[in-house]
mmCIF file of all heavy atoms, coordinates in Angstrom:
data_MODEL
# 
_entry.id   MODEL 
# 
loop_
_atom_site.group_PDB 
_atom_site.id 
_atom_site.type_symbol 
_atom_site.label_atom_id 
_atom_site.label_alt_id 
_atom_site.label_comp_id 
_atom_site.label_asym_id 
_atom_site.label_entity_id 
_atom_site.label_seq_id 
_atom_site.pdbx_PDB_ins_code 
_atom_site.Cartn_x 
_atom_site.Cartn_y 
_atom_site.Cartn_z 
_atom_site.occupancy 
_atom_site.B_iso_or_equiv 
_atom_site.pdbx_formal_charge 
_atom_site.auth_seq_id 
_atom_site.auth_comp_id 
_atom_site.auth_asym_id 
_atom_site.auth_atom_id 
_atom_site.pdbx_PDB_model_num 
ATOM 1   N N   . ILE A 1 1  ? 6.408  -226.706 17.718 1.00 0.00 ? 1  ILE A N   1 
ATOM 2   C CA  . ILE A 1 1  ? 6.996  -227.889 18.328 1.00 0.00 ? 1  ILE A CA  1 
ATOM 3   C C   . ILE A 1 1  ? 5.909  -228.479 19.211 1.00 0.00 ? 1  ILE A C   1 
ATOM 4   O O   . ILE A 1 1  ? 5.465  -227.849 20.181 1.00 0.00 ? 1  ILE A O   1 
ATOM 5   C CB  . ILE A 1 1  ? 8.245  -227.540 19.159 1.00 0.00 ? 1  ILE A CB  1 
ATOM 6   C CG1 . ILE A 1 1  ? 9.303  -226.894 18.259 1.00 0.00 ? 1  ILE A CG1 1 
ATOM 7   C CG2 . ILE A 1 1  ? 8.789  -228.780 19.851 1.00 0.00 ? 1  ILE A CG2 1 
ATOM 8   C CD1 . ILE A 1 1  ? 10.516 -226.388 18.989 1.00 0.00 ? 1  ILE A CD1 1 
ATOM 9   N N   . GLY A 1 2  ? 5.461  -229.665 18.857 1.00 0.00 ? 2  GLY A N   1 
ATOM 10  C CA  . GLY A 1 2  ? 4.339  -230.253 19.579 1.00 0.00 ? 2  GLY A CA  1 
ATOM 11  C C   . GLY A 1 2  ? 3.093  -229.418 19.368 1.00 0.00 ? 2  GLY A C   1 
ATOM 12  O O   . GLY A 1 2  ? 2.939  -228.723 18.364 1.00 0.00 ? 2  GLY A O   1 
ATOM 13  N N   . ASP A 1 3  ? 2.195  -229.489 20.359 1.00 0.00 ? 3  ASP A N   1 
ATOM 14  C CA  . ASP A 1 3  ? 0.929  -228.772 20.256 1.00 0.00 ? 3  ASP A CA  1 
ATOM 15  C C   . ASP A 1 3  ? 0.956  -227.396 20.894 1.00 0.00 ? 3  ASP A C   1 
ATOM 16  O O   . ASP A 1 3  ? 0.072  -226.585 20.650 1.00 0.00 ? 3  ASP A O   1 
ATOM 17  C CB  . ASP A 1 3  ? -0.187 -229.583 20.939 1.00 0.00 ? 3  ASP A CB  1 
ATOM 18  C CG  . ASP A 1 3  ? -0.461 -230.884 20.214 1.00 0.00 ? 3  ASP A CG  1 
ATOM 19  O OD1 . ASP A 1 3  ? -0.294 -230.926 18.981 1.00 0.00 ? 3  ASP A OD1 1 
ATOM 20  O OD2 . ASP A 1 3  ? -0.831 -231.866 20.889 1.00 0.00 ? 3  ASP A OD2 1 
ATOM 21  N N   . ASP A 1 4  ? 1.974  -227.113 21.718 1.00 0.00 ? 4  ASP A N   1 
ATOM 22  C CA  . ASP A 1 4  ? 1.892  -225.896 22.517 1.00 0.00 ? 4  ASP A CA  1 
ATOM 23  C C   . ASP A 1 4  ? 3.146  -225.031 22.559 1.00 0.00 ? 4  ASP A C   1 
ATOM 24  O O   . ASP A 1 4  ? 3.271  -224.158 23.395 1.00 0.00 ? 4  ASP A O   1 
ATOM 25  C CB  . ASP A 1 4  ? 1.457  -226.252 23.940 1.00 0.00 ? 4  ASP A CB  1 
ATOM 26  C CG  . ASP A 1 4  ? 2.323  -227.334 24.569 1.00 0.00 ? 4  ASP A CG  1 
ATOM 27  O OD1 . ASP A 1 4  ? 3.289  -227.776 23.925 1.00 0.00 ? 4  ASP A OD1 1 
ATOM 28  O OD2 . ASP A 1 4  ? 2.017  -227.741 25.695 1.00 0.00 ? 4  ASP A OD2 1 
ATOM 29  N N   . ILE A 1 5  ? 4.095  -225.258 21.656 1.00 0.00 ? 5  ILE A N   1 
ATOM 30  C CA  . ILE A 1 5  ? 5.288  -224.415 21.608 1.00 0.00 ? 5  ILE A CA  1 
ATOM 31  C C   . ILE A 1 5  ? 5.397  -223.830 20.203 1.00 0.00 ? 5  ILE A C   1 
ATOM 32  O O   . ILE A 1 5  ? 5.390  -224.553 19.208 1.00 0.00 ? 5  ILE A O   1 
ATOM 33  C CB  . ILE A 1 5  ? 6.567  -225.205 21.951 1.00 0.00 ? 5  ILE A CB  1 
ATOM 34  C CG1 . ILE A 1 5  ? 6.459  -225.769 23.376 1.00 0.00 ? 5  ILE A CG1 1 
ATOM 35  C CG2 . ILE A 1 5  ? 7.798  -224.307 21.813 1.00 0.00 ? 5  ILE A CG2 1 
ATOM 36  C CD1 . ILE A 1 5  ? 7.593  -226.685 23.755 1.00 0.00 ? 5  ILE A CD1 1 
ATOM 37  N N   . GLU A 1 6  ? 5.489  -222.501 20.137 1.00 0.00 ? 6  GLU A N   1 
ATOM 38  C CA  . GLU A 1 6  ? 5.631  -221.817 18.861 1.00 0.00 ? 6  GLU A CA  1 
ATOM 39  C C   . GLU A 1 6  ? 6.900  -220.980 18.871 1.00 0.00 ? 6  GLU A C   1 
ATOM 40  O O   . GLU A 1 6  ? 7.157  -220.229 19.812 1.00 0.00 ? 6  GLU A O   1 
ATOM 41  C CB  . GLU A 1 6  ? 4.439  -220.904 18.589 1.00 0.00 ? 6  GLU A CB  1 
ATOM 42  C CG  . GLU A 1 6  ? 4.557  -220.133 17.283 1.00 0.00 ? 6  GLU A CG  1 
ATOM 43  C CD  . GLU A 1 6  ? 3.414  -219.171 17.035 1.00 0.00 ? 6  GLU A CD  1 
ATOM 44  O OE1 . GLU A 1 6  ? 2.572  -218.973 17.943 1.00 0.00 ? 6  GLU A OE1 1 
ATOM 45  O OE2 . GLU A 1 6  ? 3.366  -218.602 15.935 1.00 0.00 ? 6  GLU A OE2 1 
ATOM 46  N N   . LEU A 1 7  ? 7.707  -221.119 17.831 1.00 0.00 ? 7  LEU A N   1 
ATOM 47  C CA  . LEU A 1 7  ? 8.879  -220.276 17.622 1.00 0.00 ? 7  LEU A CA  1 
ATOM 48  C C   . LEU A 1 7  ? 8.570  -219.366 16.445 1.00 0.00 ? 7  LEU A C   1 
ATOM 49  O O   . LEU A 1 7  ? 8.250  -219.843 15.356 1.00 0.00 ? 7  LEU A O   1 
ATOM 50  C CB  . LEU A 1 7  ? 10.114 -221.117 17.295 1.00 0.00 ? 7  LEU A CB  1 
ATOM 51  C CG  . LEU A 1 7  ? 10.532 -222.156 18.325 1.00 0.00 ? 7  LEU A CG  1 
ATOM 52  C CD1 . LEU A 1 7  ? 11.723 -222.943 17.815 1.00 0.00 ? 7  LEU A CD1 1 
ATOM 53  C CD2 . LEU A 1 7  ? 10.842 -221.513 19.649 1.00 0.00 ? 7  LEU A CD2 1 
ATOM 54  N N   . LYS A 1 8  ? 8.653  -218.061 16.674 1.00 0.00 ? 8  LYS A N   1 
ATOM 55  C CA  . LYS A 1 8  ? 8.325  -217.106 15.611 1.00 0.00 ? 8  LYS A CA  1 
ATOM 56  C C   . LYS A 1 8  ? 9.553  -216.260 15.305 1.00 0.00 ? 8  LYS A C   1 
ATOM 57  O O   . LYS A 1 8  ? 10.200 -215.738 16.213 1.00 0.00 ? 8  LYS A O   1 
ATOM 58  C CB  . LYS A 1 8  ? 7.166  -216.208 16.026 1.00 0.00 ? 8  LYS A CB  1 
ATOM 59  C CG  . LYS A 1 8  ? 6.726  -215.266 14.935 1.00 0.00 ? 8  LYS A CG  1 
ATOM 60  C CD  . LYS A 1 8  ? 5.459  -214.523 15.308 1.00 0.00 ? 8  LYS A CD  1 
ATOM 61  C CE  . LYS A 1 8  ? 4.989  -213.665 14.139 1.00 0.00 ? 8  LYS A CE  1 
ATOM 62  N NZ  . LYS A 1 8  ? 3.735  -212.986 14.453 1.00 0.00 ? 8  LYS A NZ  1 
ATOM 63  N N   . ILE A 1 9  ? 9.877  -216.139 14.039 1.00 0.00 ? 9  ILE A N   1 
ATOM 64  C CA  . ILE A 1 9  ? 10.977 -215.287 13.621 1.00 0.00 ? 9  ILE A CA  1 
ATOM 65  C C   . ILE A 1 9  ? 10.457 -213.849 13.638 1.00 0.00 ? 9  ILE A C   1 
ATOM 66  O O   . ILE A 1 9  ? 9.576  -213.481 12.869 1.00 0.00 ? 9  ILE A O   1 
ATOM 67  C CB  . ILE A 1 9  ? 11.488 -215.665 12.214 1.00 0.00 ? 9  ILE A CB  1 
ATOM 68  C CG1 . ILE A 1 9  ? 11.840 -217.152 12.132 1.00 0.00 ? 9  ILE A CG1 1 
ATOM 69  C CG2 . ILE A 1 9  ? 12.669 -214.779 11.822 1.00 0.00 ? 9  ILE A CG2 1 
ATOM 70  C CD1 . ILE A 1 9  ? 12.830 -217.640 13.160 1.00 0.00 ? 9  ILE A CD1 1 
ATOM 71  N N   . ILE A 1 10 ? 10.992 -213.056 14.522 1.00 0.00 ? 10 ILE A N   1 
ATOM 72  C CA  . ILE A 1 10 ? 10.540 -211.676 14.695 1.00 0.00 ? 10 ILE A CA  1 
ATOM 73  C C   . ILE A 1 10 ? 11.269 -210.754 13.720 1.00 0.00 ? 10 ILE A C   1 
ATOM 74  O O   . ILE A 1 10 ? 10.657 -209.911 13.077 1.00 0.00 ? 10 ILE A O   1 
ATOM 75  C CB  . ILE A 1 10 ? 10.778 -211.198 16.146 1.00 0.00 ? 10 ILE A CB  1 
ATOM 76  C CG1 . ILE A 1 10 ? 10.111 -212.135 17.153 1.00 0.00 ? 10 ILE A CG1 1 
ATOM 77  C CG2 . ILE A 1 10 ? 10.320 -209.754 16.332 1.00 0.00 ? 10 ILE A CG2 1 
ATOM 78  C CD1 . ILE A 1 10 ? 8.620  -212.245 17.036 1.00 0.00 ? 10 ILE A CD1 1 
ATOM 79  N N   . GLU A 1 11 ? 12.588 -210.939 13.618 1.00 0.00 ? 11 GLU A N   1 
ATOM 80  C CA  . GLU A 1 11 ? 13.375 -210.030 12.790 1.00 0.00 ? 11 GLU A CA  1 
ATOM 81  C C   . GLU A 1 11 ? 14.703 -210.694 12.435 1.00 0.00 ? 11 GLU A C   1 
ATOM 82  O O   . GLU A 1 11 ? 15.262 -211.436 13.233 1.00 0.00 ? 11 GLU A O   1 
ATOM 83  C CB  . GLU A 1 11 ? 13.635 -208.740 13.571 1.00 0.00 ? 11 GLU A CB  1 
ATOM 84  C CG  . GLU A 1 11 ? 14.484 -207.714 12.880 1.00 0.00 ? 11 GLU A CG  1 
ATOM 85  C CD  . GLU A 1 11 ? 14.730 -206.478 13.745 1.00 0.00 ? 11 GLU A CD  1 
ATOM 86  O OE1 . GLU A 1 11 ? 14.743 -206.591 14.981 1.00 0.00 ? 11 GLU A OE1 1 
ATOM 87  O OE2 . GLU A 1 11 ? 14.919 -205.415 13.156 1.00 0.00 ? 11 GLU A OE2 1 
ATOM 88  N N   . THR A 1 12 ? 15.185 -210.437 11.244 1.00 0.00 ? 12 THR A N   1 
ATOM 89  C CA  . THR A 1 12 ? 16.532 -210.842 10.858 1.00 0.00 ? 12 THR A CA  1 
ATOM 90  C C   . THR A 1 12 ? 17.291 -209.584 10.473 1.00 0.00 ? 12 THR A C   1 
ATOM 91  O O   . THR A 1 12 ? 16.773 -208.723 9.758  1.00 0.00 ? 12 THR A O   1 
ATOM 92  C CB  . THR A 1 12 ? 16.531 -211.835 9.679  1.00 0.00 ? 12 THR A CB  1 
ATOM 93  O OG1 . THR A 1 12 ? 15.868 -211.243 8.577  1.00 0.00 ? 12 THR A OG1 1 
ATOM 94  C CG2 . THR A 1 12 ? 15.838 -213.131 10.052 1.00 0.00 ? 12 THR A CG2 1 
ATOM 95  N N   . LEU A 1 13 ? 18.495 -209.461 10.981 1.00 0.00 ? 13 LEU A N   1 
ATOM 96  C CA  . LEU A 1 13 ? 19.309 -208.282 10.715 1.00 0.00 ? 13 LEU A CA  1 
ATOM 97  C C   . LEU A 1 13 ? 20.761 -208.739 10.639 1.00 0.00 ? 13 LEU A C   1 
ATOM 98  O O   . LEU A 1 13 ? 21.375 -209.050 11.660 1.00 0.00 ? 13 LEU A O   1 
ATOM 99  C CB  . LEU A 1 13 ? 19.121 -207.247 11.817 1.00 0.00 ? 13 LEU A CB  1 
ATOM 100 C CG  . LEU A 1 13 ? 19.760 -205.877 11.608 1.00 0.00 ? 13 LEU A CG  1 
ATOM 101 C CD1 . LEU A 1 13 ? 19.223 -205.212 10.342 1.00 0.00 ? 13 LEU A CD1 1 
ATOM 102 C CD2 . LEU A 1 13 ? 19.492 -204.978 12.801 1.00 0.00 ? 13 LEU A CD2 1 
ATOM 103 N N   . GLY A 1 14 ? 21.303 -208.826 9.445  1.00 0.00 ? 14 GLY A N   1 
ATOM 104 C CA  . GLY A 1 14 ? 22.671 -209.310 9.273  1.00 0.00 ? 14 GLY A CA  1 
ATOM 105 C C   . GLY A 1 14 ? 22.768 -210.759 9.725  1.00 0.00 ? 14 GLY A C   1 
ATOM 106 O O   . GLY A 1 14 ? 22.007 -211.606 9.267  1.00 0.00 ? 14 GLY A O   1 
ATOM 107 N N   . ASP A 1 15 ? 23.678 -211.011 10.657 1.00 0.00 ? 15 ASP A N   1 
ATOM 108 C CA  . ASP A 1 15 ? 23.845 -212.380 11.156 1.00 0.00 ? 15 ASP A CA  1 
ATOM 109 C C   . ASP A 1 15 ? 23.075 -212.637 12.449 1.00 0.00 ? 15 ASP A C   1 
ATOM 110 O O   . ASP A 1 15 ? 23.302 -213.641 13.116 1.00 0.00 ? 15 ASP A O   1 
ATOM 111 C CB  . ASP A 1 15 ? 25.333 -212.706 11.343 1.00 0.00 ? 15 ASP A CB  1 
ATOM 112 C CG  . ASP A 1 15 ? 26.002 -211.844 12.401 1.00 0.00 ? 15 ASP A CG  1 
ATOM 113 O OD1 . ASP A 1 15 ? 25.406 -210.823 12.807 1.00 0.00 ? 15 ASP A OD1 1 
ATOM 114 O OD2 . ASP A 1 15 ? 27.124 -212.183 12.823 1.00 0.00 ? 15 ASP A OD2 1 
ATOM 115 N N   . LYS A 1 16 ? 22.160 -211.740 12.810 1.00 0.00 ? 16 LYS A N   1 
ATOM 116 C CA  . LYS A 1 16 ? 21.369 -211.901 14.033 1.00 0.00 ? 16 LYS A CA  1 
ATOM 117 C C   . LYS A 1 16 ? 19.914 -212.171 13.694 1.00 0.00 ? 16 LYS A C   1 
ATOM 118 O O   . LYS A 1 16 ? 19.376 -211.642 12.719 1.00 0.00 ? 16 LYS A O   1 
ATOM 119 C CB  . LYS A 1 16 ? 21.465 -210.666 14.918 1.00 0.00 ? 16 LYS A CB  1 
ATOM 120 C CG  . LYS A 1 16 ? 22.851 -210.457 15.463 1.00 0.00 ? 16 LYS A CG  1 
ATOM 121 C CD  . LYS A 1 16 ? 22.867 -209.324 16.450 1.00 0.00 ? 16 LYS A CD  1 
ATOM 122 C CE  . LYS A 1 16 ? 24.273 -209.168 17.007 1.00 0.00 ? 16 LYS A CE  1 
ATOM 123 N NZ  . LYS A 1 16 ? 24.328 -208.196 18.073 1.00 0.00 ? 16 LYS A NZ  1 
ATOM 124 N N   . VAL A 1 17 ? 19.287 -212.989 14.525 1.00 0.00 ? 17 VAL A N   1 
ATOM 125 C CA  . VAL A 1 17 ? 17.879 -213.333 14.347 1.00 0.00 ? 17 VAL A CA  1 
ATOM 126 C C   . VAL A 1 17 ? 17.183 -213.138 15.687 1.00 0.00 ? 17 VAL A C   1 
ATOM 127 O O   . VAL A 1 17 ? 17.653 -213.627 16.718 1.00 0.00 ? 17 VAL A O   1 
ATOM 128 C CB  . VAL A 1 17 ? 17.726 -214.813 13.905 1.00 0.00 ? 17 VAL A CB  1 
ATOM 129 C CG1 . VAL A 1 17 ? 16.263 -215.178 13.772 1.00 0.00 ? 17 VAL A CG1 1 
ATOM 130 C CG2 . VAL A 1 17 ? 18.465 -215.062 12.606 1.00 0.00 ? 17 VAL A CG2 1 
ATOM 131 N N   . LYS A 1 18 ? 16.069 -212.408 15.703 1.00 0.00 ? 18 LYS A N   1 
ATOM 132 C CA  . LYS A 1 18 ? 15.240 -212.298 16.899 1.00 0.00 ? 18 LYS A CA  1 
ATOM 133 C C   . LYS A 1 18 ? 14.154 -213.340 16.809 1.00 0.00 ? 18 LYS A C   1 
ATOM 134 O O   . LYS A 1 18 ? 13.433 -213.412 15.808 1.00 0.00 ? 18 LYS A O   1 
ATOM 135 C CB  . LYS A 1 18 ? 14.604 -210.912 17.025 1.00 0.00 ? 18 LYS A CB  1 
ATOM 136 C CG  . LYS A 1 18 ? 15.542 -209.855 17.505 1.00 0.00 ? 18 LYS A CG  1 
ATOM 137 C CD  . LYS A 1 18 ? 14.779 -208.567 17.780 1.00 0.00 ? 18 LYS A CD  1 
ATOM 138 C CE  . LYS A 1 18 ? 15.727 -207.483 18.231 1.00 0.00 ? 18 LYS A CE  1 
ATOM 139 N NZ  . LYS A 1 18 ? 15.023 -206.221 18.472 1.00 0.00 ? 18 LYS A NZ  1 
ATOM 140 N N   . ILE A 1 19 ? 14.033 -214.144 17.863 1.00 0.00 ? 19 ILE A N   1 
ATOM 141 C CA  . ILE A 1 19 ? 13.061 -215.234 17.893 1.00 0.00 ? 19 ILE A CA  1 
ATOM 142 C C   . ILE A 1 19 ? 12.119 -215.022 19.068 1.00 0.00 ? 19 ILE A C   1 
ATOM 143 O O   . ILE A 1 19 ? 12.572 -214.768 20.186 1.00 0.00 ? 19 ILE A O   1 
ATOM 144 C CB  . ILE A 1 19 ? 13.770 -216.590 18.051 1.00 0.00 ? 19 ILE A CB  1 
ATOM 145 C CG1 . ILE A 1 19 ? 14.740 -216.819 16.899 1.00 0.00 ? 19 ILE A CG1 1 
ATOM 146 C CG2 . ILE A 1 19 ? 12.764 -217.727 18.146 1.00 0.00 ? 19 ILE A CG2 1 
ATOM 147 C CD1 . ILE A 1 19 ? 15.620 -218.039 17.072 1.00 0.00 ? 19 ILE A CD1 1 
ATOM 148 N N   . GLY A 1 20 ? 10.826 -215.125 18.822 1.00 0.00 ? 20 GLY A N   1 
ATOM 149 C CA  . GLY A 1 20 ? 9.825  -215.095 19.887 1.00 0.00 ? 20 GLY A CA  1 
ATOM 150 C C   . GLY A 1 20 ? 9.431  -216.532 20.210 1.00 0.00 ? 20 GLY A C   1 
ATOM 151 O O   . GLY A 1 20 ? 9.270  -217.348 19.299 1.00 0.00 ? 20 GLY A O   1 
ATOM 152 N N   . ILE A 1 21 ? 9.301  -216.827 21.491 1.00 0.00 ? 21 ILE A N   1 
ATOM 153 C CA  . ILE A 1 21 ? 8.953  -218.181 21.916 1.00 0.00 ? 21 ILE A CA  1 
ATOM 154 C C   . ILE A 1 21 ? 7.686  -218.133 22.761 1.00 0.00 ? 21 ILE A C   1 
ATOM 155 O O   . ILE A 1 21 ? 7.639  -217.440 23.780 1.00 0.00 ? 21 ILE A O   1 
ATOM 156 C CB  . ILE A 1 21 ? 10.086 -218.816 22.746 1.00 0.00 ? 21 ILE A CB  1 
ATOM 157 C CG1 . ILE A 1 21 ? 11.385 -218.822 21.932 1.00 0.00 ? 21 ILE A CG1 1 
ATOM 158 C CG2 . ILE A 1 21 ? 9.714  -220.221 23.199 1.00 0.00 ? 21 ILE A CG2 1 
ATOM 159 C CD1 . ILE A 1 21 ? 12.619 -219.172 22.728 1.00 0.00 ? 21 ILE A CD1 1 
ATOM 160 N N   . SER A 1 22 ? 6.667  -218.853 22.327 1.00 0.00 ? 22 SER A N   1 
ATOM 161 C CA  . SER A 1 22 ? 5.443  -219.013 23.114 1.00 0.00 ? 22 SER A CA  1 
ATOM 162 C C   . SER A 1 22 ? 5.403  -220.451 23.590 1.00 0.00 ? 22 SER A C   1 
ATOM 163 O O   . SER A 1 22 ? 5.384  -221.375 22.775 1.00 0.00 ? 22 SER A O   1 
ATOM 164 C CB  . SER A 1 22 ? 4.204  -218.724 22.263 1.00 0.00 ? 22 SER A CB  1 
ATOM 165 O OG  . SER A 1 22 ? 4.191  -217.387 21.848 1.00 0.00 ? 22 SER A OG  1 
ATOM 166 N N   . ALA A 1 23 ? 5.423  -220.613 24.912 1.00 0.00 ? 23 ALA A N   1 
ATOM 167 C CA  . ALA A 1 23 ? 5.418  -221.957 25.493 1.00 0.00 ? 23 ALA A CA  1 
ATOM 168 C C   . ALA A 1 23 ? 4.711  -221.900 26.841 1.00 0.00 ? 23 ALA A C   1 
ATOM 169 O O   . ALA A 1 23 ? 4.668  -220.847 27.486 1.00 0.00 ? 23 ALA A O   1 
ATOM 170 C CB  . ALA A 1 23 ? 6.845  -222.463 25.674 1.00 0.00 ? 23 ALA A CB  1 
ATOM 171 N N   . PRO A 1 24 ? 4.167  -223.027 27.295 1.00 0.00 ? 24 PRO A N   1 
ATOM 172 C CA  . PRO A 1 24 ? 3.534  -223.056 28.609 1.00 0.00 ? 24 PRO A CA  1 
ATOM 173 C C   . PRO A 1 24 ? 4.553  -222.723 29.704 1.00 0.00 ? 24 PRO A C   1 
ATOM 174 O O   . PRO A 1 24 ? 5.760  -222.928 29.523 1.00 0.00 ? 24 PRO A O   1 
ATOM 175 C CB  . PRO A 1 24 ? 3.058  -224.510 28.750 1.00 0.00 ? 24 PRO A CB  1 
ATOM 176 C CG  . PRO A 1 24 ? 3.079  -225.072 27.377 1.00 0.00 ? 24 PRO A CG  1 
ATOM 177 C CD  . PRO A 1 24 ? 4.097  -224.300 26.605 1.00 0.00 ? 24 PRO A CD  1 
ATOM 178 N N   . ASP A 1 25 ? 4.060  -222.228 30.829 1.00 0.00 ? 25 ASP A N   1 
ATOM 179 C CA  . ASP A 1 25 ? 4.938  -221.868 31.945 1.00 0.00 ? 25 ASP A CA  1 
ATOM 180 C C   . ASP A 1 25 ? 5.777  -223.043 32.427 1.00 0.00 ? 25 ASP A C   1 
ATOM 181 O O   . ASP A 1 25 ? 6.884  -222.852 32.927 1.00 0.00 ? 25 ASP A O   1 
ATOM 182 C CB  . ASP A 1 25 ? 4.114  -221.313 33.118 1.00 0.00 ? 25 ASP A CB  1 
ATOM 183 C CG  . ASP A 1 25 ? 3.519  -219.952 32.785 1.00 0.00 ? 25 ASP A CG  1 
ATOM 184 O OD1 . ASP A 1 25 ? 4.043  -219.274 31.885 1.00 0.00 ? 25 ASP A OD1 1 
ATOM 185 O OD2 . ASP A 1 25 ? 2.528  -219.583 33.426 1.00 0.00 ? 25 ASP A OD2 1 
ATOM 186 N N   . LYS A 1 26 ? 5.252  -224.252 32.298 1.00 0.00 ? 26 LYS A N   1 
ATOM 187 C CA  . LYS A 1 26 ? 5.979  -225.429 32.801 1.00 0.00 ? 26 LYS A CA  1 
ATOM 188 C C   . LYS A 1 26 ? 7.198  -225.770 31.946 1.00 0.00 ? 26 LYS A C   1 
ATOM 189 O O   . LYS A 1 26 ? 8.064  -226.526 32.367 1.00 0.00 ? 26 LYS A O   1 
ATOM 190 C CB  . LYS A 1 26 ? 5.049  -226.644 32.881 1.00 0.00 ? 26 LYS A CB  1 
ATOM 191 C CG  . LYS A 1 26 ? 4.553  -227.107 31.535 1.00 0.00 ? 26 LYS A CG  1 
ATOM 192 C CD  . LYS A 1 26 ? 3.634  -228.293 31.633 1.00 0.00 ? 26 LYS A CD  1 
ATOM 193 C CE  . LYS A 1 26 ? 3.171  -228.682 30.218 1.00 0.00 ? 26 LYS A CE  1 
ATOM 194 N NZ  . LYS A 1 26 ? 2.329  -229.843 30.233 1.00 0.00 ? 26 LYS A NZ  1 
ATOM 195 N N   . VAL A 1 27 ? 7.302  -225.195 30.746 1.00 0.00 ? 27 VAL A N   1 
ATOM 196 C CA  . VAL A 1 27 ? 8.432  -225.457 29.852 1.00 0.00 ? 27 VAL A CA  1 
ATOM 197 C C   . VAL A 1 27 ? 9.539  -224.453 30.154 1.00 0.00 ? 27 VAL A C   1 
ATOM 198 O O   . VAL A 1 27 ? 9.346  -223.244 30.067 1.00 0.00 ? 27 VAL A O   1 
ATOM 199 C CB  . VAL A 1 27 ? 8.005  -225.353 28.367 1.00 0.00 ? 27 VAL A CB  1 
ATOM 200 C CG1 . VAL A 1 27 ? 9.213  -225.513 27.455 1.00 0.00 ? 27 VAL A CG1 1 
ATOM 201 C CG2 . VAL A 1 27 ? 6.938  -226.380 28.042 1.00 0.00 ? 27 VAL A CG2 1 
ATOM 202 N N   . LYS A 1 28 ? 10.705 -224.964 30.517 1.00 0.00 ? 28 LYS A N   1 
ATOM 203 C CA  . LYS A 1 28 ? 11.847 -224.118 30.818 1.00 0.00 ? 28 LYS A CA  1 
ATOM 204 C C   . LYS A 1 28 ? 12.516 -223.722 29.505 1.00 0.00 ? 28 LYS A C   1 
ATOM 205 O O   . LYS A 1 28 ? 12.825 -224.572 28.677 1.00 0.00 ? 28 LYS A O   1 
ATOM 206 C CB  . LYS A 1 28 ? 12.845 -224.878 31.689 1.00 0.00 ? 28 LYS A CB  1 
ATOM 207 C CG  . LYS A 1 28 ? 13.957 -224.029 32.246 1.00 0.00 ? 28 LYS A CG  1 
ATOM 208 C CD  . LYS A 1 28 ? 14.992 -224.830 33.010 1.00 0.00 ? 28 LYS A CD  1 
ATOM 209 C CE  . LYS A 1 28 ? 14.380 -225.607 34.148 1.00 0.00 ? 28 LYS A CE  1 
ATOM 210 N NZ  . LYS A 1 28 ? 15.385 -226.267 34.987 1.00 0.00 ? 28 LYS A NZ  1 
ATOM 211 N N   . VAL A 1 29 ? 12.730 -222.412 29.316 1.00 0.00 ? 29 VAL A N   1 
ATOM 212 C CA  . VAL A 1 29 ? 13.394 -221.917 28.113 1.00 0.00 ? 29 VAL A CA  1 
ATOM 213 C C   . VAL A 1 29 ? 14.632 -221.147 28.557 1.00 0.00 ? 29 VAL A C   1 
ATOM 214 O O   . VAL A 1 29 ? 14.521 -220.146 29.250 1.00 0.00 ? 29 VAL A O   1 
ATOM 215 C CB  . VAL A 1 29 ? 12.456 -220.996 27.286 1.00 0.00 ? 29 VAL A CB  1 
ATOM 216 C CG1 . VAL A 1 29 ? 13.176 -220.457 26.072 1.00 0.00 ? 29 VAL A CG1 1 
ATOM 217 C CG2 . VAL A 1 29 ? 11.184 -221.735 26.889 1.00 0.00 ? 29 VAL A CG2 1 
# 
């Protein structure tokens, strides 16, 4: 998303998905 936000699918298990988010500190998640 843009130049500095990455969403990575870490794991899928049934109906659950683990997502890793890399974003600058100024971005509220």
